[in-house]
N, C-alpha and C. Protein backbone atom coordinates (compact mmCIF):
# COMPACT_ATOMS: atom_id res chain seq x y z
N MET A 1 40.14 56.14 39.79
CA MET A 1 41.15 57.06 39.73
C MET A 1 42.02 56.95 38.34
N LEU A 2 42.46 57.98 37.86
CA LEU A 2 43.12 58.01 36.62
C LEU A 2 44.67 58.04 36.97
N THR A 3 45.29 57.09 36.26
CA THR A 3 46.72 56.98 36.53
C THR A 3 47.53 58.13 35.73
N VAL A 4 48.73 58.37 36.23
CA VAL A 4 49.39 59.48 35.55
C VAL A 4 49.65 59.34 34.05
N ASP A 5 49.98 57.94 33.62
CA ASP A 5 50.22 57.71 32.20
C ASP A 5 49.00 57.97 31.38
N ARG A 6 47.82 57.59 31.99
CA ARG A 6 46.51 57.83 31.19
C ARG A 6 46.18 59.44 31.18
N ALA A 7 46.43 60.20 32.13
CA ALA A 7 46.25 61.54 32.19
C ALA A 7 47.16 62.16 31.18
N LEU A 8 48.43 61.88 31.28
CA LEU A 8 49.24 62.45 30.20
C LEU A 8 48.89 62.16 28.75
N ALA A 9 48.37 60.87 28.50
CA ALA A 9 47.95 60.55 27.24
C ALA A 9 46.77 61.32 26.82
N ALA A 10 45.85 61.46 27.84
CA ALA A 10 44.70 62.25 27.49
C ALA A 10 45.03 63.71 27.18
N VAL A 11 46.01 64.38 27.94
CA VAL A 11 46.40 65.71 27.67
C VAL A 11 46.99 65.69 26.34
N ALA A 12 47.84 64.78 26.03
CA ALA A 12 48.42 64.82 24.69
C ALA A 12 47.31 64.74 23.51
N ALA A 13 46.56 63.90 23.71
CA ALA A 13 45.38 63.73 22.67
C ALA A 13 44.63 64.96 22.64
N PHE A 14 44.25 65.64 23.68
CA PHE A 14 43.41 66.73 23.46
C PHE A 14 44.25 67.92 22.85
N SER A 15 45.51 67.89 23.41
CA SER A 15 46.38 69.00 22.70
C SER A 15 46.47 68.85 21.16
N LEU A 16 46.57 67.55 20.63
CA LEU A 16 46.62 67.48 19.24
C LEU A 16 45.44 67.77 18.66
N VAL A 17 44.31 67.57 19.21
CA VAL A 17 43.01 67.82 18.51
C VAL A 17 42.79 69.21 18.56
N ILE A 18 43.13 70.01 19.56
CA ILE A 18 42.95 71.37 19.66
C ILE A 18 43.97 72.21 18.68
N LEU A 19 45.11 71.56 18.47
CA LEU A 19 46.16 72.19 17.48
C LEU A 19 45.54 71.92 16.11
N ALA A 20 45.12 70.60 15.88
CA ALA A 20 44.57 70.41 14.48
C ALA A 20 43.37 71.29 14.12
N THR A 21 42.18 71.57 15.10
CA THR A 21 41.28 72.31 14.76
C THR A 21 41.64 73.87 14.69
N ARG A 22 42.62 74.21 15.21
CA ARG A 22 43.12 75.60 15.09
C ARG A 22 43.83 75.84 13.89
N ALA A 23 44.62 74.82 13.47
CA ALA A 23 45.49 74.90 12.25
C ALA A 23 44.75 74.65 10.91
N PHE A 24 43.54 73.91 11.04
CA PHE A 24 42.80 73.40 9.92
C PHE A 24 42.45 74.66 9.05
N PRO A 25 41.78 75.66 9.37
CA PRO A 25 41.43 76.74 8.47
C PRO A 25 42.54 77.53 7.72
N PHE A 26 43.62 77.52 8.49
CA PHE A 26 44.94 78.11 7.85
C PHE A 26 45.31 77.32 6.82
N LEU A 27 45.43 76.09 7.06
CA LEU A 27 45.95 75.16 5.99
C LEU A 27 44.92 74.97 4.79
N LEU A 28 43.61 75.10 5.20
CA LEU A 28 42.54 74.98 4.16
C LEU A 28 42.53 76.26 3.16
N PHE A 29 42.68 77.51 3.82
CA PHE A 29 42.48 78.56 3.07
C PHE A 29 43.79 79.43 2.88
N SER A 30 45.04 78.76 2.93
CA SER A 30 46.23 79.38 2.67
C SER A 30 46.48 79.81 1.26
N ARG A 31 45.89 79.17 0.31
CA ARG A 31 46.13 79.50 -1.15
C ARG A 31 44.83 79.98 -1.87
N ARG A 32 43.78 80.07 -1.27
CA ARG A 32 42.60 80.46 -1.84
C ARG A 32 41.74 81.40 -0.92
N GLU A 33 40.74 82.06 -1.47
CA GLU A 33 39.88 82.94 -0.55
C GLU A 33 38.89 81.99 0.09
N PRO A 34 38.42 82.28 1.31
CA PRO A 34 37.25 81.61 1.98
C PRO A 34 36.00 81.99 1.22
N PRO A 35 34.91 80.98 1.41
CA PRO A 35 33.81 81.23 0.73
C PRO A 35 32.97 82.40 1.25
N ALA A 36 31.97 82.95 0.60
CA ALA A 36 31.17 83.98 1.27
C ALA A 36 30.65 83.79 2.48
N VAL A 37 30.05 82.58 2.60
CA VAL A 37 29.39 82.41 3.87
C VAL A 37 30.44 82.41 5.09
N LEU A 38 31.74 82.09 4.98
CA LEU A 38 32.59 82.22 5.96
C LEU A 38 33.02 83.63 6.28
N ARG A 39 32.88 84.52 5.11
CA ARG A 39 33.18 85.95 5.33
C ARG A 39 31.96 86.50 6.12
N PHE A 40 30.79 86.12 5.82
CA PHE A 40 29.65 86.57 6.55
C PHE A 40 29.79 86.20 8.08
N ILE A 41 30.10 85.06 8.38
CA ILE A 41 30.14 84.52 9.63
C ILE A 41 31.20 85.40 10.46
N GLU A 42 32.48 85.44 9.78
CA GLU A 42 33.51 86.23 10.37
C GLU A 42 33.07 87.73 10.82
N ARG A 43 32.07 88.10 9.89
CA ARG A 43 31.89 89.59 10.17
C ARG A 43 30.72 89.77 10.98
N PHE A 44 29.59 88.96 11.23
CA PHE A 44 28.56 89.19 11.91
C PHE A 44 28.29 88.35 13.19
N ILE A 45 28.94 87.08 13.16
CA ILE A 45 28.54 86.30 14.31
C ILE A 45 29.22 86.85 15.67
N PRO A 46 30.35 87.32 15.71
CA PRO A 46 30.89 87.92 16.93
C PRO A 46 29.90 88.96 17.65
N SER A 47 29.28 89.79 16.90
CA SER A 47 28.32 90.81 17.30
C SER A 47 27.09 90.11 17.80
N ALA A 48 26.62 89.13 17.09
CA ALA A 48 25.26 88.49 17.36
C ALA A 48 25.63 87.69 18.70
N VAL A 49 26.71 87.08 18.91
CA VAL A 49 27.02 86.28 20.08
C VAL A 49 27.00 87.15 21.41
N MET A 50 27.62 88.35 21.23
CA MET A 50 27.69 89.32 22.31
C MET A 50 26.34 89.79 22.64
N ALA A 51 25.43 90.11 21.68
CA ALA A 51 24.16 90.51 21.92
C ALA A 51 23.36 89.47 22.70
N ILE A 52 23.62 88.17 22.24
CA ILE A 52 22.73 87.01 22.92
C ILE A 52 23.27 86.95 24.33
N LEU A 53 24.52 87.15 24.60
CA LEU A 53 25.18 87.04 25.97
C LEU A 53 24.54 88.12 26.84
N VAL A 54 24.40 89.31 26.26
CA VAL A 54 23.94 90.39 27.07
C VAL A 54 22.46 90.09 27.41
N VAL A 55 21.66 89.78 26.41
CA VAL A 55 20.36 89.21 26.78
C VAL A 55 20.24 88.24 27.81
N TYR A 56 20.95 87.15 27.57
CA TYR A 56 20.93 86.12 28.62
C TYR A 56 21.34 86.54 29.94
N CYS A 57 22.36 87.54 30.13
CA CYS A 57 22.71 88.06 31.50
C CYS A 57 21.63 88.58 32.14
N LEU A 58 20.82 89.43 31.36
CA LEU A 58 19.79 90.36 31.84
C LEU A 58 18.49 89.72 31.94
N LYS A 59 18.17 88.60 31.55
CA LYS A 59 16.99 87.83 31.51
C LYS A 59 16.19 87.58 32.88
N ASP A 60 17.00 87.32 33.84
CA ASP A 60 16.24 87.00 35.11
C ASP A 60 16.14 88.17 36.13
N ILE A 61 16.39 89.36 35.62
CA ILE A 61 16.32 90.48 36.62
C ILE A 61 14.94 90.99 36.70
N ALA A 62 14.46 91.33 37.87
CA ALA A 62 13.20 91.78 38.16
C ALA A 62 13.30 93.27 38.12
N TRP A 63 12.93 93.80 36.86
CA TRP A 63 13.13 95.25 36.71
C TRP A 63 12.37 96.09 37.53
N ALA A 64 11.12 95.50 38.04
CA ALA A 64 10.25 96.47 38.77
C ALA A 64 10.76 96.75 40.25
N ALA A 65 11.68 95.95 40.84
CA ALA A 65 12.12 96.23 42.10
C ALA A 65 13.56 96.67 42.06
N TRP A 66 13.56 98.00 42.57
CA TRP A 66 14.91 98.78 42.54
C TRP A 66 15.58 98.18 43.82
N PRO A 67 16.89 98.04 43.73
CA PRO A 67 17.90 98.28 42.67
C PRO A 67 18.07 97.15 41.88
N SER A 68 17.34 96.19 41.65
CA SER A 68 17.44 94.98 40.91
C SER A 68 17.98 95.43 39.46
N GLY A 69 19.06 94.89 39.18
CA GLY A 69 19.56 95.11 37.74
C GLY A 69 20.65 96.33 37.67
N ALA A 70 20.67 97.17 38.80
CA ALA A 70 21.73 98.16 38.76
C ALA A 70 23.27 97.83 38.58
N ARG A 71 23.49 96.58 39.35
CA ARG A 71 24.87 96.25 39.17
C ARG A 71 25.04 95.72 37.79
N GLU A 72 24.26 95.03 37.18
CA GLU A 72 24.28 94.52 35.85
C GLU A 72 24.33 95.68 34.76
N LEU A 73 23.69 96.64 34.92
CA LEU A 73 23.64 97.85 34.14
C LEU A 73 25.07 98.62 34.27
N ALA A 74 25.45 98.64 35.49
CA ALA A 74 26.79 99.30 35.63
C ALA A 74 27.89 98.71 35.16
N GLY A 75 27.86 97.24 35.23
CA GLY A 75 28.80 96.47 34.47
C GLY A 75 28.87 96.60 33.05
N ILE A 76 27.73 96.69 32.39
CA ILE A 76 27.51 96.77 31.00
C ILE A 76 27.97 98.30 30.54
N ALA A 77 27.62 99.18 31.38
CA ALA A 77 28.36 100.66 31.05
C ALA A 77 29.66 100.62 31.16
N ALA A 78 30.32 99.98 32.13
CA ALA A 78 31.76 99.87 32.23
C ALA A 78 32.39 99.28 31.01
N VAL A 79 31.86 98.14 30.53
CA VAL A 79 32.31 97.60 29.28
C VAL A 79 32.25 98.37 28.18
N VAL A 80 31.16 99.29 28.04
CA VAL A 80 30.94 100.04 26.83
C VAL A 80 31.84 101.20 26.94
N VAL A 81 32.14 101.83 28.20
CA VAL A 81 33.04 102.90 28.42
C VAL A 81 34.40 102.51 28.00
N LEU A 82 34.74 101.29 28.68
CA LEU A 82 36.19 100.86 28.34
C LEU A 82 36.35 100.57 26.87
N HIS A 83 35.42 100.13 26.16
CA HIS A 83 35.54 99.74 24.79
C HIS A 83 35.74 101.06 23.99
N LEU A 84 34.83 101.93 24.27
CA LEU A 84 34.98 103.09 23.39
C LEU A 84 36.23 103.93 23.70
N TRP A 85 36.80 103.81 25.09
CA TRP A 85 37.98 104.52 25.29
C TRP A 85 39.22 103.87 24.79
N LYS A 86 39.32 102.53 24.85
CA LYS A 86 40.60 101.89 24.44
C LYS A 86 40.47 100.87 23.21
N LYS A 87 39.33 100.72 22.80
CA LYS A 87 39.04 99.85 21.58
C LYS A 87 39.64 98.54 21.66
N ASN A 88 39.51 97.93 22.89
CA ASN A 88 40.27 96.77 23.19
C ASN A 88 39.19 95.63 23.69
N ALA A 89 38.85 94.62 23.02
CA ALA A 89 37.77 93.82 23.42
C ALA A 89 38.16 93.03 24.75
N MET A 90 39.39 92.56 24.82
CA MET A 90 39.82 91.72 26.04
C MET A 90 39.74 92.67 27.14
N LEU A 91 40.21 93.96 27.16
CA LEU A 91 40.27 94.87 28.31
C LEU A 91 38.92 95.22 28.64
N SER A 92 37.98 95.47 27.71
CA SER A 92 36.59 95.73 27.92
C SER A 92 35.81 94.74 28.62
N ILE A 93 35.97 93.38 28.13
CA ILE A 93 35.41 92.22 28.72
C ILE A 93 36.02 91.95 30.22
N PHE A 94 37.26 91.83 30.33
CA PHE A 94 37.84 91.58 31.71
C PHE A 94 37.65 92.76 32.62
N GLY A 95 37.78 93.98 32.30
CA GLY A 95 37.51 95.15 33.10
C GLY A 95 36.14 95.36 33.46
N GLY A 96 35.06 95.20 32.57
CA GLY A 96 33.73 95.00 33.06
C GLY A 96 33.25 94.03 33.93
N THR A 97 33.80 92.82 33.58
CA THR A 97 33.61 91.70 34.46
C THR A 97 34.22 91.95 35.95
N ALA A 98 35.32 92.43 35.99
CA ALA A 98 36.01 92.81 37.37
C ALA A 98 35.29 93.78 38.10
N PHE A 99 34.81 94.86 37.32
CA PHE A 99 33.92 95.94 37.88
C PHE A 99 32.61 95.41 38.37
N TYR A 100 31.97 94.51 37.66
CA TYR A 100 30.75 93.86 38.10
C TYR A 100 30.93 92.99 39.25
N MET A 101 32.02 92.07 39.34
CA MET A 101 32.28 91.43 40.49
C MET A 101 32.51 92.22 41.80
N LEU A 102 33.25 93.34 41.56
CA LEU A 102 33.45 94.08 42.67
C LEU A 102 32.11 94.79 43.16
N LEU A 103 31.18 95.07 42.39
CA LEU A 103 29.90 95.66 42.73
C LEU A 103 29.09 94.50 43.37
N LEU A 104 29.13 93.33 42.93
CA LEU A 104 28.55 92.12 43.30
C LEU A 104 29.03 91.86 44.84
N SER A 105 30.21 92.09 45.06
CA SER A 105 30.68 91.78 46.38
C SER A 105 30.46 92.81 47.39
N ALA A 106 30.50 94.19 46.95
CA ALA A 106 30.50 95.33 47.77
C ALA A 106 29.04 95.67 48.08
N ILE A 107 28.03 95.51 46.99
CA ILE A 107 26.68 95.84 47.24
C ILE A 107 25.80 94.53 47.30
N ARG A 108 25.18 94.51 48.46
CA ARG A 108 24.23 93.28 48.47
C ARG A 108 22.82 93.64 48.39
């Protein structure tokens, strides 16, 4: 069992590490432009990660058996509609997830 002192020390250490990793890019590039490779990553990686997550979420669906995949496709549609409507990534992700979880609990 972890003592309170050790738990607080661990939380403090983790907090400092997280703060340092978040502040590092701002300190490093505050006076100069980031390299081209970082600009590329900043521009294209988020979309690639989202595409990989969609493929991963749909990989185990048996498409030949209806209604297998209907809830997943409805959740994806909810994300797309919310994003086109409000242009807010957080709302799209959380709203689509909430809709999917609602479908998951309501439709068995």
